[in-house]
Each structure stands twice: as structure tokens, then as C-alpha cells.
């Protein structure tokens, strides 16, 4: 006798458009702040414990994007078609080219990118504190994101030191996430 598959637990908030053939693993959180929109197109694969938060405008995951486990995407922008984001990476206001491969544990982004209204997209104070600390841990250069479209001083393929600060940011942005991890079953 074949064991029946159990539904995985993930969260999809308001103003989130998800194509029917998107694959979402357990523990994922897809959310859009008020006045923002998250668009997840066909064929996207979202790994375990991924958090995607549209903030300050639209955030689009284009067709065929793959997000490894524990990826954090915050802000506005686009992850291009068939892009692959490695596990435990953090992208702030992403502008990732089609077919890009972002190595695991990368920190990329521009915290002051313009939103859809042409105004600066300022992240919450907790994010600004984390980003200020992270820039001091960089090797002093401003590397590109392997596609030649460097995203400023945060673009780095070095391991992300300061995981505690990222987790604090996640807890601040997504206070309900703890309730998802408390063992409540939503099947």
C-alpha cells in the first residue's frame, strides 16, 4: 500500500500572484507589503524556508526561476527567466539577468533602488543596520554578480557573515513566520 502524500505547509499572503504550476516547498513565505505586488510566473521552483517579500513596488520571479533553500528576497525588481539563486542567498531589490547563476550564500542588491513610482525604496531600519555591518565585512571591492551588471557595494559572492542579523531582519519583516515553525499543521 502506498503512503498518502501530506500537504506541505507554506504561506502565501495578499497581493501575491502565483501561477498554478509553481512548485513551493515546505516553510516558504510569499508576501507583499501594502501597495506592493509579488508575481511568481510559470515553472518557478521555490525551496524550503524561502522568504520572498515584495516591498515598495512589484517584485517578479520570471518563468523558470529556481530559488534554493533559505533564500531571502526583499524589495522590488525582477529575477530573470531561468535564473538560479543558490541556497542561503540574500537579494535586496534584485535585478538578476535571465539565465544568471548566483552562488550559494551570496549577498546581492541595492537597498536604495527605485520603486515602481520612481521614488527611492528605503528598507526598514533593521535592514539598513544589517547592510551597514555587511559592507564592512566585504573585501573592499565591489564585485559584479557574475553577469557584469554589478549591483553596488553589496554585490558579493563571499559567504554571508552575520546570519543572526539576517534572521533578526526576517523576524522583523515576517513576525508570523515563527507561528509557521511552531509545529502547527495546516493540512
C-alpha atoms as a PDB file:
ATOM      1  CA  UNK A   1       0.000   0.000   0.000  1.00  0.00           C
ATOM      2  CA  UNK A   2       1.350   3.394  -0.976  1.00  0.00           C
ATOM      3  CA  UNK A   3       1.672   6.061   1.735  1.00  0.00           C
ATOM      4  CA  UNK A   4      -0.502   9.083   1.046  1.00  0.00           C
ATOM      5  CA  UNK A   5       1.396  12.337   0.479  1.00  0.00           C
ATOM      6  CA  UNK A   6       0.872  15.021   3.095  1.00  0.00           C
ATOM      7  CA  UNK A   7       0.317  18.632   2.055  1.00  0.00           C
ATOM      8  CA  UNK A   8       3.323  20.857   2.647  1.00  0.00           C
ATOM      9  CA  UNK A   9       2.946  23.935   4.817  1.00  0.00           C
ATOM     10  CA  UNK A  10       3.766  27.266   3.209  1.00  0.00           C
ATOM     11  CA  UNK A  11       2.277  30.761   3.379  1.00  0.00           C
ATOM     12  CA  UNK A  12       1.036  32.950   0.520  1.00  0.00           C
ATOM     13  CA  UNK A  13      -0.130  36.427   1.539  1.00  0.00           C
ATOM     14  CA  UNK A  14      -2.306  39.053  -0.126  1.00  0.00           C
ATOM     15  CA  UNK A  15      -1.283  40.704  -3.417  1.00  0.00           C
ATOM     16  CA  UNK A  16       0.681  37.599  -4.431  1.00  0.00           C
ATOM     17  CA  UNK A  17       0.034  36.137  -7.895  1.00  0.00           C
ATOM     18  CA  UNK A  18       1.261  32.539  -8.233  1.00  0.00           C
ATOM     19  CA  UNK A  19       0.990  30.576 -11.483  1.00  0.00           C
ATOM     20  CA  UNK A  20      -0.675  27.163 -10.997  1.00  0.00           C
ATOM     21  CA  UNK A  21       2.423  25.156 -11.996  1.00  0.00           C
ATOM     22  CA  UNK A  22       4.774  26.776  -9.456  1.00  0.00           C
ATOM     23  CA  UNK A  23       6.428  24.332  -7.017  1.00  0.00           C
ATOM     24  CA  UNK A  24       6.642  25.601  -3.424  1.00  0.00           C
ATOM     25  CA  UNK A  25       8.449  23.645  -0.703  1.00  0.00           C
ATOM     26  CA  UNK A  26       7.587  23.485   2.963  1.00  0.00           C
ATOM     27  CA  UNK A  27       8.212  26.554   5.114  1.00  0.00           C
ATOM     28  CA  UNK A  28       8.222  29.069   2.255  1.00  0.00           C
ATOM     29  CA  UNK A  29       6.679  32.507   2.814  1.00  0.00           C
ATOM     30  CA  UNK A  30       5.499  34.624  -0.134  1.00  0.00           C
ATOM     31  CA  UNK A  31       4.243  38.068   0.828  1.00  0.00           C
ATOM     32  CA  UNK A  32       3.662  41.562  -0.487  1.00  0.00           C
ATOM     33  CA  UNK A  33       3.596  44.660   1.703  1.00  0.00           C
ATOM     34  CA  UNK A  34       0.623  47.018   1.316  1.00  0.00           C
ATOM     35  CA  UNK A  35       0.814  48.768  -2.056  1.00  0.00           C
ATOM     36  CA  UNK A  36       3.201  46.134  -3.401  1.00  0.00           C
ATOM     37  CA  UNK A  37       2.726  43.037  -5.539  1.00  0.00           C
ATOM     38  CA  UNK A  38       4.605  39.743  -5.854  1.00  0.00           C
ATOM     39  CA  UNK A  39       4.330  37.957  -9.211  1.00  0.00           C
ATOM     40  CA  UNK A  40       5.522  34.336  -9.453  1.00  0.00           C
ATOM     41  CA  UNK A  41       5.406  33.123 -13.058  1.00  0.00           C
ATOM     42  CA  UNK A  42       5.153  29.664 -14.600  1.00  0.00           C
ATOM     43  CA  UNK A  43       7.689  26.964 -13.783  1.00  0.00           C
ATOM     44  CA  UNK A  44       9.236  28.659 -10.744  1.00  0.00           C
ATOM     45  CA  UNK A  45      10.673  26.321  -8.088  1.00  0.00           C
ATOM     46  CA  UNK A  46      10.855  27.668  -4.526  1.00  0.00           C
ATOM     47  CA  UNK A  47      12.948  25.739  -1.979  1.00  0.00           C
ATOM     48  CA  UNK A  48      12.402  25.043   1.718  1.00  0.00           C
ATOM     49  CA  UNK A  49      12.234  28.004   4.111  1.00  0.00           C
ATOM     50  CA  UNK A  50      12.471  30.611   1.326  1.00  0.00           C
ATOM     51  CA  UNK A  51      11.143  34.078   2.161  1.00  0.00           C
ATOM     52  CA  UNK A  52      10.083  36.449  -0.638  1.00  0.00           C
ATOM     53  CA  UNK A  53       8.725  39.872   0.366  1.00  0.00           C
ATOM     54  CA  UNK A  54       7.668  42.460  -2.200  1.00  0.00           C
ATOM     55  CA  UNK A  55       8.242  45.832  -0.555  1.00  0.00           C
ATOM     56  CA  UNK A  56       7.874  49.262  -2.161  1.00  0.00           C
ATOM     57  CA  UNK A  57       6.500  48.082  -5.541  1.00  0.00           C
ATOM     58  CA  UNK A  58       6.420  44.971  -7.717  1.00  0.00           C
ATOM     59  CA  UNK A  59       8.758  42.005  -7.356  1.00  0.00           C
ATOM     60  CA  UNK A  60       8.687  39.444 -10.181  1.00  0.00           C
ATOM     61  CA  UNK A  61      10.068  35.921 -10.298  1.00  0.00           C
ATOM     62  CA  UNK A  62      10.125  35.222 -14.053  1.00  0.00           C
ATOM     63  CA  UNK A  63       9.429  31.914 -15.779  1.00  0.00           C
ATOM     64  CA  UNK A  64      11.610  29.011 -14.679  1.00  0.00           C
ATOM     65  CA  UNK A  65      13.396  30.714 -11.766  1.00  0.00           C
ATOM     66  CA  UNK A  66      14.838  28.371  -9.140  1.00  0.00           C
ATOM     67  CA  UNK A  67      15.359  29.504  -5.529  1.00  0.00           C
ATOM     68  CA  UNK A  68      17.484  27.287  -3.276  1.00  0.00           C
ATOM     69  CA  UNK A  69      16.635  26.640   0.363  1.00  0.00           C
ATOM     70  CA  UNK A  70      16.588  29.549   2.819  1.00  0.00           C
ATOM     71  CA  UNK A  71      16.846  32.265   0.143  1.00  0.00           C
ATOM     72  CA  UNK A  72      15.672  35.732   1.219  1.00  0.00           C
ATOM     73  CA  UNK A  73      14.381  38.158  -1.456  1.00  0.00           C
ATOM     74  CA  UNK A  74      13.182  41.577  -0.286  1.00  0.00           C
ATOM     75  CA  UNK A  75      12.121  44.731  -2.136  1.00  0.00           C
ATOM     76  CA  UNK A  76      11.253  45.413  -5.761  1.00  0.00           C
ATOM     77  CA  UNK A  77      12.759  44.196  -9.006  1.00  0.00           C
ATOM     78  CA  UNK A  78      12.979  41.135 -11.201  1.00  0.00           C
ATOM     79  CA  UNK A  79      14.677  37.770 -11.106  1.00  0.00           C
ATOM     80  CA  UNK A  80      15.037  36.943 -14.816  1.00  0.00           C
ATOM     81  CA  UNK A  81      13.915  33.816 -16.644  1.00  0.00           C
ATOM     82  CA  UNK A  82      15.614  30.566 -15.650  1.00  0.00           C
ATOM     83  CA  UNK A  83      17.869  32.313 -13.106  1.00  0.00           C
ATOM     84  CA  UNK A  84      19.149  30.066 -10.339  1.00  0.00           C
ATOM     85  CA  UNK A  85      19.656  31.563  -6.871  1.00  0.00           C
ATOM     86  CA  UNK A  86      21.856  29.439  -4.603  1.00  0.00           C
ATOM     87  CA  UNK A  87      20.838  28.351  -1.124  1.00  0.00           C
ATOM     88  CA  UNK A  88      21.044  30.798   1.778  1.00  0.00           C
ATOM     89  CA  UNK A  89      21.467  33.821  -0.523  1.00  0.00           C
ATOM     90  CA  UNK A  90      20.007  37.240   0.255  1.00  0.00           C
ATOM     91  CA  UNK A  91      18.916  39.595  -2.539  1.00  0.00           C
ATOM     92  CA  UNK A  92      17.747  43.131  -1.817  1.00  0.00           C
ATOM     93  CA  UNK A  93      15.846  44.889  -4.654  1.00  0.00           C
ATOM     94  CA  UNK A  94      17.099  42.266  -7.122  1.00  0.00           C
ATOM     95  CA  UNK A  95      17.807  42.882 -10.800  1.00  0.00           C
ATOM     96  CA  UNK A  96      19.004  39.443 -11.865  1.00  0.00           C
ATOM     97  CA  UNK A  97      19.519  38.730 -15.581  1.00  0.00           C
ATOM     98  CA  UNK A  98      17.929  35.786 -17.381  1.00  0.00           C
ATOM     99  CA  UNK A  99      19.922  32.538 -17.019  1.00  0.00           C
ATOM    100  CA  UNK A 100      22.045  34.021 -14.210  1.00  0.00           C
ATOM    101  CA  UNK A 101      23.543  31.686 -11.620  1.00  0.00           C
ATOM    102  CA  UNK A 102      24.012  33.239  -8.175  1.00  0.00           C
ATOM    103  CA  UNK A 103      26.267  31.127  -5.921  1.00  0.00           C
ATOM    104  CA  UNK A 104      25.029  29.892  -2.566  1.00  0.00           C
ATOM    105  CA  UNK A 105      25.357  32.250   0.421  1.00  0.00           C
ATOM    106  CA  UNK A 106      25.604  35.357  -1.788  1.00  0.00           C
ATOM    107  CA  UNK A 107      24.528  38.830  -0.689  1.00  0.00           C
ATOM    108  CA  UNK A 108      23.419  40.989  -3.626  1.00  0.00           C
ATOM    109  CA  UNK A 109      21.361  44.074  -4.017  1.00  0.00           C
ATOM    110  CA  UNK A 110      20.812  47.758  -3.977  1.00  0.00           C
ATOM    111  CA  UNK A 111      18.917  48.900  -0.867  1.00  0.00           C
ATOM    112  CA  UNK A 112      18.136  52.281  -2.476  1.00  0.00           C
ATOM    113  CA  UNK A 113      16.703  51.053  -5.809  1.00  0.00           C
ATOM    114  CA  UNK A 114      13.752  52.998  -7.216  1.00  0.00           C
ATOM    115  CA  UNK A 115      10.304  51.516  -6.789  1.00  0.00           C
ATOM    116  CA  UNK A 116       7.607  51.448  -9.469  1.00  0.00           C
ATOM    117  CA  UNK A 117       6.747  55.096  -8.673  1.00  0.00           C
ATOM    118  CA  UNK A 118      10.300  56.235  -9.437  1.00  0.00           C
ATOM    119  CA  UNK A 119      10.937  57.022  -5.766  1.00  0.00           C
ATOM    120  CA  UNK A 120      13.661  55.509  -3.624  1.00  0.00           C
ATOM    121  CA  UNK A 121      12.710  52.249  -1.946  1.00  0.00           C
ATOM    122  CA  UNK A 122      14.054  52.656   1.556  1.00  0.00           C
ATOM    123  CA  UNK A 123      14.136  49.455   3.545  1.00  0.00           C
ATOM    124  CA  UNK A 124      13.222  49.284   7.250  1.00  0.00           C
ATOM    125  CA  UNK A 125      15.835  50.468   9.798  1.00  0.00           C
ATOM    126  CA  UNK A 126      16.716  46.877  10.795  1.00  0.00           C
ATOM    127  CA  UNK A 127      17.711  46.123   7.196  1.00  0.00           C
ATOM    128  CA  UNK A 128      19.804  49.292   6.962  1.00  0.00           C
ATOM    129  CA  UNK A 129      21.723  48.342  10.132  1.00  0.00           C
ATOM    130  CA  UNK A 130      22.437  44.873   8.758  1.00  0.00           C
ATOM    131  CA  UNK A 131      23.573  46.224   5.401  1.00  0.00           C
ATOM    132  CA  UNK A 132      25.914  48.732   7.053  1.00  0.00           C
ATOM    133  CA  UNK A 133      27.539  45.911   9.051  1.00  0.00           C
ATOM    134  CA  UNK A 134      27.803  43.650   5.999  1.00  0.00           C
ATOM    135  CA  UNK A 135      29.584  46.259   3.900  1.00  0.00           C
ATOM    136  CA  UNK A 136      32.424  46.352   6.463  1.00  0.00           C
ATOM    137  CA  UNK A 137      32.894  42.596   6.160  1.00  0.00           C
ATOM    138  CA  UNK A 138      33.382  42.876   2.400  1.00  0.00           C
ATOM    139  CA  UNK A 139      36.880  42.764   0.988  1.00  0.00           C
ATOM    140  CA  UNK A 140      36.618  46.421  -0.032  1.00  0.00           C
ATOM    141  CA  UNK A 141      35.888  45.804  -3.685  1.00  0.00           C
ATOM    142  CA  UNK A 142      32.562  45.993  -5.470  1.00  0.00           C
ATOM    143  CA  UNK A 143      32.414  42.767  -7.469  1.00  0.00           C
ATOM    144  CA  UNK A 144      29.827  42.033 -10.111  1.00  0.00           C
ATOM    145  CA  UNK A 145      27.101  39.407  -9.860  1.00  0.00           C
ATOM    146  CA  UNK A 146      28.716  37.089 -12.453  1.00  0.00           C
ATOM    147  CA  UNK A 147      26.704  38.772 -15.216  1.00  0.00           C
ATOM    148  CA  UNK A 148      28.614  42.038 -15.479  1.00  0.00           C
ATOM    149  CA  UNK A 149      25.782  44.089 -14.011  1.00  0.00           C
ATOM    150  CA  UNK A 150      27.317  44.827 -10.603  1.00  0.00           C
ATOM    151  CA  UNK A 151      24.765  45.907  -8.066  1.00  0.00           C
ATOM    152  CA  UNK A 152      26.938  48.172  -5.995  1.00  0.00           C
ATOM    153  CA  UNK A 153      28.904  47.537  -2.828  1.00  0.00           C
ATOM    154  CA  UNK A 154      26.591  44.740  -1.680  1.00  0.00           C
ATOM    155  CA  UNK A 155      27.286  42.579  -4.718  1.00  0.00           C
ATOM    156  CA  UNK A 156      29.441  39.804  -3.349  1.00  0.00           C
ATOM    157  CA  UNK A 157      29.915  36.097  -3.778  1.00  0.00           C
ATOM    158  CA  UNK A 158      31.678  35.800  -0.426  1.00  0.00           C
ATOM    159  CA  UNK A 159      29.909  33.873   2.341  1.00  0.00           C
ATOM    160  CA  UNK A 160      27.391  35.959   4.246  1.00  0.00           C
ATOM    161  CA  UNK A 161      28.661  36.620   7.738  1.00  0.00           C
ATOM    162  CA  UNK A 162      26.040  37.969  10.076  1.00  0.00           C
ATOM    163  CA  UNK A 163      23.378  35.305   9.706  1.00  0.00           C
ATOM    164  CA  UNK A 164      21.972  36.405  13.072  1.00  0.00           C
ATOM    165  CA  UNK A 165      21.324  39.896  11.682  1.00  0.00           C
ATOM    166  CA  UNK A 166      19.556  38.422   8.641  1.00  0.00           C
ATOM    167  CA  UNK A 167      17.416  36.229  10.877  1.00  0.00           C
ATOM    168  CA  UNK A 168      16.543  39.288  13.001  1.00  0.00           C
ATOM    169  CA  UNK A 169      15.547  41.102   9.789  1.00  0.00           C
ATOM    170  CA  UNK A 170      13.366  38.153   8.772  1.00  0.00           C
ATOM    171  CA  UNK A 171      11.690  38.102  12.205  1.00  0.00           C
ATOM    172  CA  UNK A 172      11.052  41.860  11.969  1.00  0.00           C
ATOM    173  CA  UNK A 173       9.641  41.720   8.433  1.00  0.00           C
ATOM    174  CA  UNK A 174       7.689  38.491   8.947  1.00  0.00           C
ATOM    175  CA  UNK A 175       6.592  38.173  12.586  1.00  0.00           C
ATOM    176  CA  UNK A 176       4.062  35.468  11.652  1.00  0.00           C
ATOM    177  CA  UNK A 177       6.866  33.180  10.400  1.00  0.00           C
ATOM    178  CA  UNK A 178       7.533  31.910  13.940  1.00  0.00           C
ATOM    179  CA  UNK A 179       3.962  30.625  14.083  1.00  0.00           C
ATOM    180  CA  UNK A 180       4.638  28.620  10.904  1.00  0.00           C
ATOM    181  CA  UNK A 181       7.609  26.929  12.565  1.00  0.00           C
ATOM    182  CA  UNK A 182       5.811  26.153  15.833  1.00  0.00           C
ATOM    183  CA  UNK A 183       4.550  22.831  14.526  1.00  0.00           C
ATOM    184  CA  UNK A 184       1.003  23.901  13.687  1.00  0.00           C
ATOM    185  CA  UNK A 185      -0.322  21.689  10.923  1.00  0.00           C
ATOM    186  CA  UNK A 186      -2.374  23.403   8.195  1.00  0.00           C
ATOM    187  CA  UNK A 187      -3.345  20.382   6.106  1.00  0.00           C
END
